[in-house]
Amino acid sequence: MKKHLKEIDMSYFEHMKCALAYAKESAKMMVYFFVHAFLPDVWVSKGSTRLKILNNKIKNRNIENENNT
């Protein structure tokens, strides 16, 4: 467990906060995609747009960690 935290240079609670924020965003996206599946004219691009934003946040976090090592 501590190996991962050292690799990303975060404390346990910083990591928890970040991971839970990703989980919250993922849950919202699940709702967007679920509703869109049944009502195609609702949230046409909201889920995919939010997914791209979250993916970029994660990628940027990983790049930041690589640059700090």
Protein backbone atom coordinates (compact mmCIF):
# COMPACT_ATOMS: atom_id res chain seq x y z
CA MET A 1 0.00 0.00 0.00
CA LYS A 2 2.72 2.47 0.92
CA LYS A 3 4.62 1.76 -2.29
CA HIS A 4 1.87 3.30 -4.43
CA LEU A 5 1.60 6.34 -2.17
CA LYS A 6 5.36 6.90 -2.39
CA GLU A 7 5.26 6.53 -6.19
CA ILE A 8 2.64 9.25 -6.48
CA ASP A 9 4.00 11.36 -3.60
CA MET A 10 0.71 11.60 -1.73
CA SER A 11 -0.38 10.96 1.81
CA TYR A 12 -3.03 8.36 2.54
CA PHE A 13 -5.73 11.01 3.00
CA GLU A 14 -4.67 13.05 -0.06
CA HIS A 15 -4.93 9.87 -2.09
CA MET A 16 -8.30 9.01 -0.57
CA LYS A 17 -9.66 12.48 -1.36
CA CYS A 18 -8.44 12.27 -4.96
CA ALA A 19 -9.71 8.73 -5.53
CA LEU A 20 -13.12 9.54 -4.06
CA ALA A 21 -13.37 12.63 -6.28
CA TYR A 22 -12.69 10.41 -9.31
CA ALA A 23 -15.33 7.96 -8.07
CA LYS A 24 -17.88 10.76 -7.65
CA GLU A 25 -17.25 12.03 -11.18
CA SER A 26 -17.44 8.48 -12.54
CA ALA A 27 -20.79 7.93 -10.83
CA LYS A 28 -22.17 11.10 -12.39
CA MET A 29 -20.99 9.98 -15.81
CA MET A 30 -22.64 6.60 -15.30
CA VAL A 31 -25.95 8.40 -14.79
CA TYR A 32 -25.43 10.53 -17.92
CA PHE A 33 -24.68 7.44 -20.03
CA PHE A 34 -27.52 5.42 -18.49
CA VAL A 35 -30.12 8.11 -19.15
CA HIS A 36 -28.73 8.72 -22.64
CA ALA A 37 -29.06 4.99 -23.44
CA PHE A 38 -32.84 5.20 -22.98
CA LEU A 39 -33.37 8.83 -24.05
CA PRO A 40 -30.93 9.46 -26.91
CA ASP A 41 -31.76 13.17 -27.16
CA VAL A 42 -30.84 13.76 -23.51
CA TRP A 43 -27.21 14.45 -22.56
CA VAL A 44 -26.00 13.70 -26.08
CA SER A 45 -22.37 14.54 -25.34
CA LYS A 46 -22.30 15.35 -21.62
CA GLY A 47 -21.02 11.94 -20.52
CA SER A 48 -18.26 11.73 -23.09
CA THR A 49 -17.20 15.34 -22.48
CA ARG A 50 -16.96 14.75 -18.73
CA LEU A 51 -15.07 11.50 -19.36
CA LYS A 52 -12.50 13.34 -21.48
CA ILE A 53 -12.08 15.99 -18.76
CA LEU A 54 -11.57 13.37 -16.05
CA ASN A 55 -9.16 11.42 -18.24
CA ASN A 56 -7.12 14.58 -18.84
CA LYS A 57 -7.00 15.29 -15.09
CA ILE A 58 -5.70 11.80 -14.43
CA LYS A 59 -3.16 12.00 -17.26
CA ASN A 60 -1.93 15.40 -16.07
CA ARG A 61 -1.61 14.09 -12.52
CA ASN A 62 0.48 11.17 -13.81
CA ILE A 63 2.69 13.47 -15.90
CA GLU A 64 3.15 15.79 -12.90
CA ASN A 65 4.23 12.80 -10.77
CA GLU A 66 6.69 11.61 -13.43
CA ASN A 67 8.25 15.08 -13.64
CA ASN A 68 8.70 15.26 -9.87
CA THR A 69 10.69 12.03 -9.68
